[in-house]
Amino acid sequence: MNNIEVLRFPPTEHMTPEMALQAVLTRCQLGEVTDVLIVGYDTDNDFISFSSKMTRADAVWLLEKAKQWAMDGGEK
């Protein structure tokens, strides 16, 4: 997993949770996604997290990639 390059994040800040999940689900069904890490807030504003077959170390690595993406303004 550490050799995977982050290719794309949603193109808009206005996606609903359903739209974001559907976009990933579609890519999963096409065999384009191997692992996912989902983080968010529930209706009580509590942190939630779901992941697929990844270690905590892999989750931290993926979060760091997302952090770098956000800090660089969304550039690859």
N, C-alpha and C. Protein backbone atom coordinates (compact mmCIF):
# COMPACT_ATOMS: atom_id res chain seq x y z
N MET A 1 0.81 -1.20 0.00
CA MET A 1 0.00 0.00 0.00
C MET A 1 0.85 1.26 0.00
N ASN A 2 2.03 1.22 0.56
CA ASN A 2 2.86 2.42 0.66
C ASN A 2 3.37 2.93 -0.67
N ASN A 3 3.26 2.16 -1.73
CA ASN A 3 3.72 2.60 -3.04
C ASN A 3 2.60 3.14 -3.90
N ILE A 4 1.41 3.25 -3.36
CA ILE A 4 0.26 3.72 -4.12
C ILE A 4 0.22 5.24 -4.09
N GLU A 5 0.01 5.83 -5.26
CA GLU A 5 -0.08 7.28 -5.35
C GLU A 5 -1.55 7.71 -5.24
N VAL A 6 -1.79 8.78 -4.51
CA VAL A 6 -3.15 9.31 -4.41
C VAL A 6 -3.49 9.95 -5.74
N LEU A 7 -4.55 9.48 -6.38
CA LEU A 7 -4.88 9.95 -7.71
C LEU A 7 -5.97 11.00 -7.76
N ARG A 8 -6.97 10.87 -6.89
CA ARG A 8 -8.11 11.76 -7.04
C ARG A 8 -8.90 11.87 -5.75
N PHE A 9 -9.32 13.04 -5.46
CA PHE A 9 -10.27 13.27 -4.38
C PHE A 9 -11.50 13.91 -5.01
N PRO A 10 -12.62 13.94 -4.33
CA PRO A 10 -13.82 14.54 -4.93
C PRO A 10 -13.55 15.97 -5.41
N PRO A 11 -14.08 16.31 -6.56
CA PRO A 11 -13.81 17.61 -7.17
C PRO A 11 -14.56 18.78 -6.55
N THR A 12 -15.38 18.54 -5.57
CA THR A 12 -16.20 19.61 -5.02
C THR A 12 -16.28 19.55 -3.51
N GLU A 13 -16.44 20.69 -2.91
CA GLU A 13 -16.65 20.75 -1.46
C GLU A 13 -18.13 20.58 -1.11
N HIS A 14 -18.96 20.37 -2.12
CA HIS A 14 -20.40 20.34 -1.91
C HIS A 14 -21.00 18.95 -2.06
N MET A 15 -20.17 17.92 -2.11
CA MET A 15 -20.69 16.56 -2.19
C MET A 15 -21.37 16.18 -0.88
N THR A 16 -22.48 15.48 -0.98
CA THR A 16 -23.12 14.93 0.21
C THR A 16 -22.39 13.64 0.59
N PRO A 17 -22.58 13.17 1.82
CA PRO A 17 -21.98 11.88 2.17
C PRO A 17 -22.40 10.77 1.21
N GLU A 18 -23.67 10.76 0.82
CA GLU A 18 -24.16 9.74 -0.10
C GLU A 18 -23.45 9.83 -1.46
N MET A 19 -23.25 11.03 -1.96
CA MET A 19 -22.58 11.21 -3.26
C MET A 19 -21.13 10.72 -3.19
N ALA A 20 -20.43 11.05 -2.10
CA ALA A 20 -19.04 10.63 -1.95
C ALA A 20 -18.95 9.11 -1.85
N LEU A 21 -19.81 8.49 -1.04
CA LEU A 21 -19.79 7.05 -0.89
C LEU A 21 -20.18 6.34 -2.19
N GLN A 22 -21.14 6.88 -2.91
CA GLN A 22 -21.56 6.28 -4.18
C GLN A 22 -20.44 6.34 -5.21
N ALA A 23 -19.69 7.45 -5.23
CA ALA A 23 -18.57 7.56 -6.16
C ALA A 23 -17.52 6.48 -5.89
N VAL A 24 -17.24 6.25 -4.62
CA VAL A 24 -16.26 5.21 -4.27
C VAL A 24 -16.84 3.82 -4.52
N LEU A 25 -18.11 3.61 -4.19
CA LEU A 25 -18.74 2.32 -4.42
C LEU A 25 -18.71 1.94 -5.89
N THR A 26 -18.99 2.90 -6.76
CA THR A 26 -18.93 2.65 -8.20
C THR A 26 -17.54 2.22 -8.61
N ARG A 27 -16.52 2.90 -8.11
CA ARG A 27 -15.14 2.53 -8.44
C ARG A 27 -14.78 1.17 -7.86
N CYS A 28 -15.32 0.84 -6.69
CA CYS A 28 -15.10 -0.50 -6.10
C CYS A 28 -15.69 -1.57 -7.00
N GLN A 29 -16.90 -1.33 -7.48
CA GLN A 29 -17.58 -2.31 -8.33
C GLN A 29 -16.84 -2.51 -9.65
N LEU A 30 -16.10 -1.51 -10.09
CA LEU A 30 -15.30 -1.62 -11.31
C LEU A 30 -13.93 -2.23 -11.04
N GLY A 31 -13.65 -2.53 -9.78
CA GLY A 31 -12.37 -3.12 -9.41
C GLY A 31 -11.24 -2.12 -9.35
N GLU A 32 -11.56 -0.84 -9.25
CA GLU A 32 -10.55 0.22 -9.25
C GLU A 32 -10.07 0.61 -7.85
N VAL A 33 -10.71 0.11 -6.82
CA VAL A 33 -10.36 0.47 -5.44
C VAL A 33 -10.02 -0.81 -4.68
N THR A 34 -8.89 -0.80 -3.98
CA THR A 34 -8.49 -1.98 -3.22
C THR A 34 -8.69 -1.81 -1.73
N ASP A 35 -8.57 -0.61 -1.23
CA ASP A 35 -8.72 -0.34 0.20
C ASP A 35 -9.40 1.01 0.38
N VAL A 36 -10.15 1.13 1.47
CA VAL A 36 -10.77 2.42 1.77
C VAL A 36 -10.64 2.73 3.25
N LEU A 37 -10.62 4.01 3.53
CA LEU A 37 -10.67 4.51 4.90
C LEU A 37 -11.72 5.62 4.89
N ILE A 38 -12.75 5.43 5.67
CA ILE A 38 -13.85 6.39 5.72
C ILE A 38 -13.84 7.03 7.09
N VAL A 39 -13.77 8.35 7.13
CA VAL A 39 -13.83 9.07 8.40
C VAL A 39 -14.90 10.15 8.28
N GLY A 40 -15.55 10.45 9.36
CA GLY A 40 -16.58 11.47 9.33
C GLY A 40 -17.14 11.72 10.71
N TYR A 41 -18.28 12.38 10.73
CA TYR A 41 -19.01 12.65 11.96
C TYR A 41 -20.42 12.12 11.81
N ASP A 42 -20.96 11.59 12.88
CA ASP A 42 -22.35 11.15 12.85
C ASP A 42 -23.25 12.30 13.26
N THR A 43 -24.53 12.01 13.38
CA THR A 43 -25.49 13.08 13.69
C THR A 43 -25.33 13.65 15.10
N ASP A 44 -24.59 12.95 15.97
CA ASP A 44 -24.28 13.48 17.30
C ASP A 44 -22.94 14.20 17.33
N ASN A 45 -22.36 14.43 16.16
CA ASN A 45 -21.04 15.05 16.01
C ASN A 45 -19.92 14.23 16.63
N ASP A 46 -20.12 12.92 16.70
CA ASP A 46 -19.08 12.02 17.18
C ASP A 46 -18.27 11.51 15.98
N PHE A 47 -16.98 11.38 16.15
CA PHE A 47 -16.09 10.87 15.11
C PHE A 47 -16.42 9.42 14.80
N ILE A 48 -16.46 9.08 13.50
CA ILE A 48 -16.66 7.69 13.09
C ILE A 48 -15.56 7.33 12.10
N SER A 49 -15.22 6.06 12.07
CA SER A 49 -14.19 5.58 11.16
C SER A 49 -14.49 4.15 10.76
N PHE A 50 -14.35 3.87 9.47
CA PHE A 50 -14.49 2.53 8.93
C PHE A 50 -13.32 2.31 7.97
N SER A 51 -12.83 1.10 7.92
CA SER A 51 -11.76 0.81 6.97
C SER A 51 -11.87 -0.63 6.48
N SER A 52 -11.22 -0.88 5.37
CA SER A 52 -11.17 -2.23 4.82
C SER A 52 -9.77 -2.78 4.99
N LYS A 53 -9.68 -4.00 5.28
CA LYS A 53 -8.45 -4.78 5.39
C LYS A 53 -7.15 -3.98 5.45
N MET A 54 -7.05 -3.07 6.40
CA MET A 54 -5.81 -2.33 6.55
C MET A 54 -5.42 -2.27 8.02
N THR A 55 -4.13 -2.19 8.22
CA THR A 55 -3.62 -2.06 9.58
C THR A 55 -3.77 -0.62 10.04
N ARG A 56 -3.57 -0.39 11.31
CA ARG A 56 -3.60 1.00 11.80
C ARG A 56 -2.47 1.80 11.17
N ALA A 57 -1.32 1.16 10.94
CA ALA A 57 -0.20 1.85 10.29
C ALA A 57 -0.58 2.28 8.87
N ASP A 58 -1.28 1.41 8.13
CA ASP A 58 -1.73 1.77 6.79
C ASP A 58 -2.73 2.92 6.83
N ALA A 59 -3.60 2.91 7.85
CA ALA A 59 -4.59 3.99 7.99
C ALA A 59 -3.89 5.32 8.25
N VAL A 60 -2.87 5.31 9.10
CA VAL A 60 -2.12 6.54 9.38
C VAL A 60 -1.42 7.02 8.11
N TRP A 61 -0.83 6.09 7.36
CA TRP A 61 -0.15 6.47 6.10
C TRP A 61 -1.14 7.12 5.14
N LEU A 62 -2.33 6.52 5.02
CA LEU A 62 -3.34 7.07 4.11
C LEU A 62 -3.83 8.43 4.59
N LEU A 63 -3.99 8.60 5.89
CA LEU A 63 -4.38 9.90 6.43
C LEU A 63 -3.31 10.95 6.18
N GLU A 64 -2.05 10.56 6.27
CA GLU A 64 -0.96 11.50 5.98
C GLU A 64 -0.97 11.92 4.51
N LYS A 65 -1.28 10.99 3.61
CA LYS A 65 -1.41 11.32 2.19
C LYS A 65 -2.55 12.32 1.99
N ALA A 66 -3.67 12.09 2.67
CA ALA A 66 -4.80 13.01 2.57
C ALA A 66 -4.46 14.37 3.15
N LYS A 67 -3.74 14.37 4.25
CA LYS A 67 -3.30 15.63 4.87
C LYS A 67 -2.42 16.42 3.91
N GLN A 68 -1.48 15.75 3.27
CA GLN A 68 -0.60 16.42 2.32
C GLN A 68 -1.39 16.97 1.14
N TRP A 69 -2.36 16.19 0.66
CA TRP A 69 -3.21 16.65 -0.44
C TRP A 69 -3.94 17.94 -0.05
N ALA A 70 -4.48 17.96 1.16
CA ALA A 70 -5.22 19.14 1.63
C ALA A 70 -4.29 20.34 1.81
N MET A 71 -3.09 20.10 2.31
CA MET A 71 -2.15 21.20 2.52
C MET A 71 -1.62 21.76 1.21
N ASP A 72 -1.56 20.93 0.16
CA ASP A 72 -1.07 21.38 -1.13
C ASP A 72 -2.16 21.95 -2.01
N GLY A 73 -3.34 22.13 -1.47
CA GLY A 73 -4.44 22.71 -2.24
C GLY A 73 -5.09 21.75 -3.21
N GLY A 74 -4.96 20.47 -2.95
CA GLY A 74 -5.63 19.49 -3.80
C GLY A 74 -4.79 19.01 -4.97
N GLU A 75 -3.57 19.49 -5.08
CA GLU A 75 -2.72 19.04 -6.18
C GLU A 75 -2.21 17.64 -5.91
N LYS A 76 -2.00 16.89 -6.94
CA LYS A 76 -1.52 15.52 -6.85
C LYS A 76 -0.09 15.46 -6.33
